[in-house]
Amino acid sequence: TYGITDSWDEIVETLQGAPGAPVSTDTELGGYMREFEMRVRQDMDEIYMRLDDEQTERQLLAGWLNMLFRDRRAHAYTHHLMETEARMS
């Protein structure tokens, strides 16, 4: 998990306090909700950052693969030229 469930559980436990104890004020509840929202946003930011990193890595790998194919063709062409030159001499 990304800690979202744990954060929610912590907030619920804090709000519940002792079993059966009511929440003291709406302000306190608002504070807990703002804290929860902040944690969720941080978790979402981390998830999106990891996805972006993965996409960037895939783009790099695709670029390297394309470069290898181009190099392979260039190497084959150079090899062909060298063989042709060797036959002509």
PDB file of N, CA and C in Angstrom:
ATOM      1  N   THR A   1       0.845  -1.193   0.000  1.00  0.00           N
ATOM      2  CA  THR A   1       0.000   0.000   0.000  1.00  0.00           C
ATOM      3  C   THR A   1       0.877   1.237   0.000  1.00  0.00           C
ATOM      4  N   TYR A   2       0.260   2.356  -0.245  1.00  0.00           N
ATOM      5  CA  TYR A   2       0.985   3.617  -0.293  1.00  0.00           C
ATOM      6  C   TYR A   2       0.823   4.414   0.992  1.00  0.00           C
ATOM      7  N   GLY A   3       0.261   3.825   2.030  1.00  0.00           N
ATOM      8  CA  GLY A   3       0.111   4.517   3.293  1.00  0.00           C
ATOM      9  C   GLY A   3      -1.198   5.264   3.421  1.00  0.00           C
ATOM     10  N   ILE A   4      -2.007   5.285   2.370  1.00  0.00           N
ATOM     11  CA  ILE A   4      -3.266   6.027   2.429  1.00  0.00           C
ATOM     12  C   ILE A   4      -4.198   5.387   3.457  1.00  0.00           C
ATOM     13  N   THR A   5      -4.327   4.072   3.416  1.00  0.00           N
ATOM     14  CA  THR A   5      -5.207   3.381   4.355  1.00  0.00           C
ATOM     15  C   THR A   5      -4.719   3.580   5.776  1.00  0.00           C
ATOM     16  N   ASP A   6      -3.403   3.501   5.986  1.00  0.00           N
ATOM     17  CA  ASP A   6      -2.850   3.694   7.317  1.00  0.00           C
ATOM     18  C   ASP A   6      -3.165   5.088   7.836  1.00  0.00           C
ATOM     19  N   SER A   7      -3.044   6.100   6.989  1.00  0.00           N
ATOM     20  CA  SER A   7      -3.339   7.470   7.395  1.00  0.00           C
ATOM     21  C   SER A   7      -4.787   7.593   7.820  1.00  0.00           C
ATOM     22  N   TRP A   8      -5.670   7.019   7.029  1.00  0.00           N
ATOM     23  CA  TRP A   8      -7.091   7.079   7.353  1.00  0.00           C
ATOM     24  C   TRP A   8      -7.353   6.393   8.685  1.00  0.00           C
ATOM     25  N   ASP A   9      -6.766   5.226   8.909  1.00  0.00           N
ATOM     26  CA  ASP A   9      -6.950   4.501  10.167  1.00  0.00           C
ATOM     27  C   ASP A   9      -6.458   5.321  11.346  1.00  0.00           C
ATOM     28  N   GLU A  10      -5.306   5.989  11.195  1.00  0.00           N
ATOM     29  CA  GLU A  10      -4.777   6.829  12.274  1.00  0.00           C
ATOM     30  C   GLU A  10      -5.745   7.952  12.612  1.00  0.00           C
ATOM     31  N   ILE A  11      -6.284   8.588  11.595  1.00  0.00           N
ATOM     32  CA  ILE A  11      -7.204   9.704  11.827  1.00  0.00           C
ATOM     33  C   ILE A  11      -8.471   9.213  12.516  1.00  0.00           C
ATOM     34  N   VAL A  12      -9.010   8.088  12.058  1.00  0.00           N
ATOM     35  CA  VAL A  12     -10.225   7.548  12.677  1.00  0.00           C
ATOM     36  C   VAL A  12      -9.962   7.194  14.128  1.00  0.00           C
ATOM     37  N   GLU A  13      -8.829   6.553  14.420  1.00  0.00           N
ATOM     38  CA  GLU A  13      -8.500   6.196  15.799  1.00  0.00           C
ATOM     39  C   GLU A  13      -8.375   7.436  16.670  1.00  0.00           C
ATOM     40  N   THR A  14      -7.740   8.474  16.143  1.00  0.00           N
ATOM     41  CA  THR A  14      -7.581   9.711  16.899  1.00  0.00           C
ATOM     42  C   THR A  14      -8.935  10.358  17.151  1.00  0.00           C
ATOM     43  N   LEU A  15      -9.785  10.369  16.127  1.00  0.00           N
ATOM     44  CA  LEU A  15     -11.114  10.967  16.273  1.00  0.00           C
ATOM     45  C   LEU A  15     -11.955  10.201  17.290  1.00  0.00           C
ATOM     46  N   GLN A  16     -11.813   8.895  17.300  1.00  0.00           N
ATOM     47  CA  GLN A  16     -12.614   8.090  18.212  1.00  0.00           C
ATOM     48  C   GLN A  16     -12.104   8.199  19.640  1.00  0.00           C
ATOM     49  N   GLY A  17     -10.783   8.424  19.804  1.00  0.00           N
ATOM     50  CA  GLY A  17     -10.212   8.528  21.147  1.00  0.00           C
ATOM     51  C   GLY A  17     -10.567   7.297  21.950  1.00  0.00           C
ATOM     52  N   ALA A  18     -11.058   7.530  23.150  1.00  0.00           N
ATOM     53  CA  ALA A  18     -11.522   6.419  23.974  1.00  0.00           C
ATOM     54  C   ALA A  18     -12.826   5.902  23.371  1.00  0.00           C
ATOM     55  N   PRO A  19     -13.074   4.621  23.471  1.00  0.00           N
ATOM     56  CA  PRO A  19     -14.304   4.083  22.881  1.00  0.00           C
ATOM     57  C   PRO A  19     -15.534   4.842  23.373  1.00  0.00           C
ATOM     58  N   GLY A  20     -16.327   5.309  22.413  1.00  0.00           N
ATOM     59  CA  GLY A  20     -17.555   6.012  22.748  1.00  0.00           C
ATOM     60  C   GLY A  20     -17.388   7.493  23.013  1.00  0.00           C
ATOM     61  N   ALA A  21     -16.151   8.002  23.004  1.00  0.00           N
ATOM     62  CA  ALA A  21     -15.934   9.429  23.267  1.00  0.00           C
ATOM     63  C   ALA A  21     -16.285  10.222  22.019  1.00  0.00           C
ATOM     64  N   PRO A  22     -17.075  11.295  22.167  1.00  0.00           N
ATOM     65  CA  PRO A  22     -17.442  12.088  20.992  1.00  0.00           C
ATOM     66  C   PRO A  22     -16.293  12.976  20.528  1.00  0.00           C
ATOM     67  N   VAL A  23     -16.348  13.402  19.279  1.00  0.00           N
ATOM     68  CA  VAL A  23     -15.369  14.355  18.761  1.00  0.00           C
ATOM     69  C   VAL A  23     -15.628  15.678  19.450  1.00  0.00           C
ATOM     70  N   SER A  24     -14.551  16.346  19.902  1.00  0.00           N
ATOM     71  CA  SER A  24     -14.741  17.532  20.734  1.00  0.00           C
ATOM     72  C   SER A  24     -15.345  18.701  19.971  1.00  0.00           C
ATOM     73  N   THR A  25     -14.809  19.035  18.795  1.00  0.00           N
ATOM     74  CA  THR A  25     -15.337  20.191  18.057  1.00  0.00           C
ATOM     75  C   THR A  25     -15.265  19.935  16.565  1.00  0.00           C
ATOM     76  N   ASP A  26     -16.050  20.724  15.839  1.00  0.00           N
ATOM     77  CA  ASP A  26     -15.980  20.660  14.380  1.00  0.00           C
ATOM     78  C   ASP A  26     -14.621  21.139  13.893  1.00  0.00           C
ATOM     79  N   THR A  27     -14.007  22.075  14.623  1.00  0.00           N
ATOM     80  CA  THR A  27     -12.694  22.594  14.247  1.00  0.00           C
ATOM     81  C   THR A  27     -11.655  21.480  14.291  1.00  0.00           C
ATOM     82  N   GLU A  28     -11.734  20.653  15.319  1.00  0.00           N
ATOM     83  CA  GLU A  28     -10.798  19.530  15.444  1.00  0.00           C
ATOM     84  C   GLU A  28     -10.990  18.562  14.276  1.00  0.00           C
ATOM     85  N   LEU A  29     -12.233  18.284  13.944  1.00  0.00           N
ATOM     86  CA  LEU A  29     -12.521  17.400  12.817  1.00  0.00           C
ATOM     87  C   LEU A  29     -11.982  18.001  11.523  1.00  0.00           C
ATOM     88  N   GLY A  30     -12.178  19.310  11.341  1.00  0.00           N
ATOM     89  CA  GLY A  30     -11.657  19.989  10.152  1.00  0.00           C
ATOM     90  C   GLY A  30     -10.147  19.876  10.063  1.00  0.00           C
ATOM     91  N   GLY A  31      -9.468  19.990  11.199  1.00  0.00           N
ATOM     92  CA  GLY A  31      -8.010  19.855  11.227  1.00  0.00           C
ATOM     93  C   GLY A  31      -7.570  18.470  10.803  1.00  0.00           C
ATOM     94  N   TYR A  32      -8.271  17.464  11.314  1.00  0.00           N
ATOM     95  CA  TYR A  32      -7.936  16.092  10.930  1.00  0.00           C
ATOM     96  C   TYR A  32      -8.191  15.852   9.446  1.00  0.00           C
ATOM     97  N   MET A  33      -9.273  16.428   8.936  1.00  0.00           N
ATOM     98  CA  MET A  33      -9.584  16.251   7.518  1.00  0.00           C
ATOM     99  C   MET A  33      -8.547  16.951   6.638  1.00  0.00           C
ATOM    100  N   ARG A  34      -8.091  18.143   7.054  1.00  0.00           N
ATOM    101  CA  ARG A  34      -7.041  18.830   6.284  1.00  0.00           C
ATOM    102  C   ARG A  34      -5.752  18.014   6.294  1.00  0.00           C
ATOM    103  N   GLU A  35      -5.426  17.440   7.456  1.00  0.00           N
ATOM    104  CA  GLU A  35      -4.227  16.600   7.547  1.00  0.00           C
ATOM    105  C   GLU A  35      -4.365  15.376   6.636  1.00  0.00           C
ATOM    106  N   PHE A  36      -5.540  14.763   6.651  1.00  0.00           N
ATOM    107  CA  PHE A  36      -5.781  13.603   5.799  1.00  0.00           C
ATOM    108  C   PHE A  36      -5.661  13.985   4.327  1.00  0.00           C
ATOM    109  N   GLU A  37      -6.262  15.115   3.955  1.00  0.00           N
ATOM    110  CA  GLU A  37      -6.197  15.574   2.565  1.00  0.00           C
ATOM    111  C   GLU A  37      -4.748  15.816   2.147  1.00  0.00           C
ATOM    112  N   MET A  38      -3.953  16.419   3.044  1.00  0.00           N
ATOM    113  CA  MET A  38      -2.547  16.681   2.740  1.00  0.00           C
ATOM    114  C   MET A  38      -1.794  15.362   2.517  1.00  0.00           C
ATOM    115  N   ARG A  39      -2.047  14.375   3.376  1.00  0.00           N
ATOM    116  CA  ARG A  39      -1.370  13.077   3.233  1.00  0.00           C
ATOM    117  C   ARG A  39      -1.755  12.389   1.925  1.00  0.00           C
ATOM    118  N   VAL A  40      -3.039  12.465   1.578  1.00  0.00           N
ATOM    119  CA  VAL A  40      -3.496  11.846   0.328  1.00  0.00           C
ATOM    120  C   VAL A  40      -2.839  12.534  -0.861  1.00  0.00           C
ATOM    121  N   ARG A  41      -2.769  13.875  -0.830  1.00  0.00           N
ATOM    122  CA  ARG A  41      -2.127  14.599  -1.936  1.00  0.00           C
ATOM    123  C   ARG A  41      -0.652  14.233  -2.057  1.00  0.00           C
ATOM    124  N   GLN A  42       0.039  14.116  -0.919  1.00  0.00           N
ATOM    125  CA  GLN A  42       1.451  13.723  -0.954  1.00  0.00           C
ATOM    126  C   GLN A  42       1.595  12.326  -1.547  1.00  0.00           C
ATOM    127  N   ASP A  43       0.714  11.418  -1.133  1.00  0.00           N
ATOM    128  CA  ASP A  43       0.762  10.055  -1.669  1.00  0.00           C
ATOM    129  C   ASP A  43       0.501  10.054  -3.172  1.00  0.00           C
ATOM    130  N   MET A  44      -0.488  10.834  -3.611  1.00  0.00           N
ATOM    131  CA  MET A  44      -0.801  10.905  -5.041  1.00  0.00           C
ATOM    132  C   MET A  44       0.366  11.510  -5.818  1.00  0.00           C
ATOM    133  N   ASP A  45       0.991  12.556  -5.257  1.00  0.00           N
ATOM    134  CA  ASP A  45       2.155  13.153  -5.915  1.00  0.00           C
ATOM    135  C   ASP A  45       3.266  12.125  -6.078  1.00  0.00           C
ATOM    136  N   GLU A  46       3.484  11.318  -5.031  1.00  0.00           N
ATOM    137  CA  GLU A  46       4.523  10.285  -5.097  1.00  0.00           C
ATOM    138  C   GLU A  46       4.182   9.233  -6.155  1.00  0.00           C
ATOM    139  N   ILE A  47       2.916   8.843  -6.213  1.00  0.00           N
ATOM    140  CA  ILE A  47       2.488   7.853  -7.212  1.00  0.00           C
ATOM    141  C   ILE A  47       2.716   8.392  -8.618  1.00  0.00           C
ATOM    142  N   TYR A  48       2.289   9.651  -8.868  1.00  0.00           N
ATOM    143  CA  TYR A  48       2.466  10.238 -10.198  1.00  0.00           C
ATOM    144  C   TYR A  48       3.942  10.399 -10.540  1.00  0.00           C
ATOM    145  N   MET A  49       4.773  10.726  -9.541  1.00  0.00           N
ATOM    146  CA  MET A  49       6.207  10.865  -9.789  1.00  0.00           C
ATOM    147  C   MET A  49       6.798   9.518 -10.210  1.00  0.00           C
ATOM    148  N   ARG A  50       6.379   8.450  -9.525  1.00  0.00           N
ATOM    149  CA  ARG A  50       6.874   7.114  -9.887  1.00  0.00           C
ATOM    150  C   ARG A  50       6.423   6.721 -11.286  1.00  0.00           C
ATOM    151  N   LEU A  51       5.177   7.053 -11.634  1.00  0.00           N
ATOM    152  CA  LEU A  51       4.688   6.752 -12.982  1.00  0.00           C
ATOM    153  C   LEU A  51       5.465   7.529 -14.033  1.00  0.00           C
ATOM    154  N   ASP A  52       5.744   8.812 -13.751  1.00  0.00           N
ATOM    155  CA  ASP A  52       6.526   9.624 -14.687  1.00  0.00           C
ATOM    156  C   ASP A  52       7.925   9.055 -14.857  1.00  0.00           C
ATOM    157  N   ASP A  53       8.548   8.625 -13.738  1.00  0.00           N
ATOM    158  CA  ASP A  53       9.883   8.032 -13.811  1.00  0.00           C
ATOM    159  C   ASP A  53       9.863   6.777 -14.677  1.00  0.00           C
ATOM    160  N   GLU A  54       8.830   5.960 -14.507  1.00  0.00           N
ATOM    161  CA  GLU A  54       8.715   4.722 -15.285  1.00  0.00           C
ATOM    162  C   GLU A  54       8.551   5.040 -16.768  1.00  0.00           C
ATOM    163  N   GLN A  55       7.726   6.041 -17.071  1.00  0.00           N
ATOM    164  CA  GLN A  55       7.511   6.424 -18.473  1.00  0.00           C
ATOM    165  C   GLN A  55       8.805   6.951 -19.073  1.00  0.00           C
ATOM    166  N   THR A  56       9.542   7.765 -18.321  1.00  0.00           N
ATOM    167  CA  THR A  56      10.814   8.299 -18.801  1.00  0.00           C
ATOM    168  C   THR A  56      11.800   7.169 -19.066  1.00  0.00           C
ATOM    169  N   GLU A  57      11.844   6.198 -18.152  1.00  0.00           N
ATOM    170  CA  GLU A  57      12.753   5.061 -18.328  1.00  0.00           C
ATOM    171  C   GLU A  57      12.390   4.265 -19.581  1.00  0.00           C
ATOM    172  N   ARG A  58      11.103   4.077 -19.824  1.00  0.00           N
ATOM    173  CA  ARG A  58      10.676   3.350 -21.020  1.00  0.00           C
ATOM    174  C   ARG A  58      11.057   4.112 -22.284  1.00  0.00           C
ATOM    175  N   GLN A  59      10.926   5.437 -22.252  1.00  0.00           N
ATOM    176  CA  GLN A  59      11.300   6.238 -23.412  1.00  0.00           C
ATOM    177  C   GLN A  59      12.798   6.131 -23.675  1.00  0.00           C
ATOM    178  N   LEU A  60      13.610   6.136 -22.608  1.00  0.00           N
ATOM    179  CA  LEU A  60      15.060   5.982 -22.775  1.00  0.00           C
ATOM    180  C   LEU A  60      15.395   4.623 -23.384  1.00  0.00           C
ATOM    181  N   LEU A  61      14.757   3.573 -22.858  1.00  0.00           N
ATOM    182  CA  LEU A  61      15.017   2.231 -23.388  1.00  0.00           C
ATOM    183  C   LEU A  61      14.613   2.128 -24.851  1.00  0.00           C
ATOM    184  N   ALA A  62      13.476   2.723 -25.207  1.00  0.00           N
ATOM    185  CA  ALA A  62      13.035   2.703 -26.606  1.00  0.00           C
ATOM    186  C   ALA A  62      14.031   3.447 -27.484  1.00  0.00           C
ATOM    187  N   GLY A  63      14.558   4.563 -27.000  1.00  0.00           N
ATOM    188  CA  GLY A  63      15.562   5.317 -27.752  1.00  0.00           C
ATOM    189  C   GLY A  63      16.830   4.511 -27.960  1.00  0.00           C
ATOM    190  N   TRP A  64      17.275   3.838 -26.902  1.00  0.00           N
ATOM    191  CA  TRP A  64      18.485   3.014 -27.020  1.00  0.00           C
ATOM    192  C   TRP A  64      18.266   1.876 -28.006  1.00  0.00           C
ATOM    193  N   LEU A  65      17.095   1.259 -27.955  1.00  0.00           N
ATOM    194  CA  LEU A  65      16.797   0.168 -28.871  1.00  0.00           C
ATOM    195  C   LEU A  65      16.806   0.653 -30.321  1.00  0.00           C
ATOM    196  N   ASN A  66      16.188   1.799 -30.574  1.00  0.00           N
ATOM    197  CA  ASN A  66      16.198   2.371 -31.925  1.00  0.00           C
ATOM    198  C   ASN A  66      17.619   2.675 -32.382  1.00  0.00           C
ATOM    199  N   MET A  67      18.441   3.198 -31.467  1.00  0.00           N
ATOM    200  CA  MET A  67      19.828   3.509 -31.804  1.00  0.00           C
ATOM    201  C   MET A  67      20.587   2.223 -32.169  1.00  0.00           C
ATOM    202  N   LEU A  68      20.341   1.142 -31.416  1.00  0.00           N
ATOM    203  CA  LEU A  68      21.005  -0.127 -31.720  1.00  0.00           C
ATOM    204  C   LEU A  68      20.612  -0.638 -33.103  1.00  0.00           C
ATOM    205  N   PHE A  69      19.342  -0.512 -33.467  1.00  0.00           N
ATOM    206  CA  PHE A  69      18.911  -0.939 -34.805  1.00  0.00           C
ATOM    207  C   PHE A  69      19.583  -0.105 -35.888  1.00  0.00           C
ATOM    208  N   ARG A  70      19.675   1.215 -35.668  1.00  0.00           N
ATOM    209  CA  ARG A  70      20.354   2.075 -36.653  1.00  0.00           C
ATOM    210  C   ARG A  70      21.831   1.706 -36.744  1.00  0.00           C
ATOM    211  N   ASP A  71      22.470   1.479 -35.597  1.00  0.00           N
ATOM    212  CA  ASP A  71      23.883   1.095 -35.593  1.00  0.00           C
ATOM    213  C   ASP A  71      24.085  -0.244 -36.298  1.00  0.00           C
ATOM    214  N   ARG A  72      23.163  -1.156 -36.102  1.00  0.00           N
ATOM    215  CA  ARG A  72      23.271  -2.475 -36.738  1.00  0.00           C
ATOM    216  C   ARG A  72      23.250  -2.331 -38.260  1.00  0.00           C
ATOM    217  N   ARG A  73      22.328  -1.499 -38.761  1.00  0.00           N
ATOM    218  CA  ARG A  73      22.251  -1.277 -40.205  1.00  0.00           C
ATOM    219  C   ARG A  73      23.515  -0.591 -40.715  1.00  0.00           C
ATOM    220  N   ALA A  74      24.002   0.394 -39.960  1.00  0.00           N
ATOM    221  CA  ALA A  74      25.219   1.098 -40.376  1.00  0.00           C
ATOM    222  C   ALA A  74      26.408   0.143 -40.375  1.00  0.00           C
ATOM    223  N   HIS A  75      26.488  -0.727 -39.372  1.00  0.00           N
ATOM    224  CA  HIS A  75      27.578  -1.701 -39.307  1.00  0.00           C
ATOM    225  C   HIS A  75      27.507  -2.668 -40.499  1.00  0.00           C
ATOM    226  N   ALA A  76      26.305  -3.131 -40.820  1.00  0.00           N
ATOM    227  CA  ALA A  76      26.144  -4.048 -41.959  1.00  0.00           C
ATOM    228  C   ALA A  76      26.557  -3.361 -43.258  1.00  0.00           C
ATOM    229  N   TYR A  77      26.193  -2.092 -43.417  1.00  0.00           N
ATOM    230  CA  TYR A  77      26.558  -1.345 -44.624  1.00  0.00           C
ATOM    231  C   TYR A  77      28.076  -1.164 -44.708  1.00  0.00           C
ATOM    232  N   THR A  78      28.702  -0.830 -43.578  1.00  0.00           N
ATOM    233  CA  THR A  78      30.164  -0.675 -43.550  1.00  0.00           C
ATOM    234  C   THR A  78      30.844  -1.998 -43.881  1.00  0.00           C
ATOM    235  N   HIS A  79      30.334  -3.085 -43.327  1.00  0.00           N
ATOM    236  CA  HIS A  79      30.887  -4.414 -43.600  1.00  0.00           C
ATOM    237  C   HIS A  79      30.781  -4.739 -45.096  1.00  0.00           C
ATOM    238  N   HIS A  80      29.646  -4.424 -45.690  1.00  0.00           N
ATOM    239  CA  HIS A  80      29.434  -4.653 -47.123  1.00  0.00           C
ATOM    240  C   HIS A  80      30.438  -3.835 -47.952  1.00  0.00           C
ATOM    241  N   LEU A  81      30.630  -2.565 -47.599  1.00  0.00           N
ATOM    242  CA  LEU A  81      31.591  -1.723 -48.320  1.00  0.00           C
ATOM    243  C   LEU A  81      33.007  -2.280 -48.217  1.00  0.00           C
ATOM    244  N   MET A  82      33.377  -2.748 -47.017  1.00  0.00           N
ATOM    245  CA  MET A  82      34.727  -3.285 -46.825  1.00  0.00           C
ATOM    246  C   MET A  82      34.924  -4.560 -47.646  1.00  0.00           C
ATOM    247  N   GLU A  83      33.911  -5.416 -47.693  1.00  0.00           N
ATOM    248  CA  GLU A  83      34.014  -6.636 -48.497  1.00  0.00           C
ATOM    249  C   GLU A  83      34.124  -6.301 -49.981  1.00  0.00           C
ATOM    250  N   THR A  84      33.329  -5.343 -50.425  1.00  0.00           N
ATOM    251  CA  THR A  84      33.367  -4.930 -51.830  1.00  0.00           C
ATOM    252  C   THR A  84      34.737  -4.368 -52.172  1.00  0.00           C
ATOM    253  N   GLU A  85      35.275  -3.535 -51.308  1.00  0.00           N
ATOM    254  CA  GLU A  85      36.598  -2.943 -51.541  1.00  0.00           C
ATOM    255  C   GLU A  85      37.667  -4.027 -51.558  1.00  0.00           C
ATOM    256  N   ALA A  86      37.554  -5.020 -50.663  1.00  0.00           N
ATOM    257  CA  ALA A  86      38.533  -6.104 -50.615  1.00  0.00           C
ATOM    258  C   ALA A  86      38.487  -6.927 -51.903  1.00  0.00           C
ATOM    259  N   ARG A  87      37.298  -7.159 -52.437  1.00  0.00           N
ATOM    260  CA  ARG A  87      37.170  -7.921 -53.677  1.00  0.00           C
ATOM    261  C   ARG A  87      37.741  -7.156 -54.867  1.00  0.00           C
ATOM    262  N   MET A  88      37.586  -5.842 -54.842  1.00  0.00           N
ATOM    263  CA  MET A  88      38.053  -5.029 -55.962  1.00  0.00           C
ATOM    264  C   MET A  88      39.580  -4.876 -55.963  1.00  0.00           C
ATOM    265  N   SER A  89      40.225  -5.074 -54.844  1.00  0.00           N
ATOM    266  CA  SER A  89      41.682  -4.897 -54.841  1.00  0.00           C
ATOM    267  C   SER A  89      42.442  -6.140 -55.195  1.00  0.00           C
TER     268      SER A  89
END
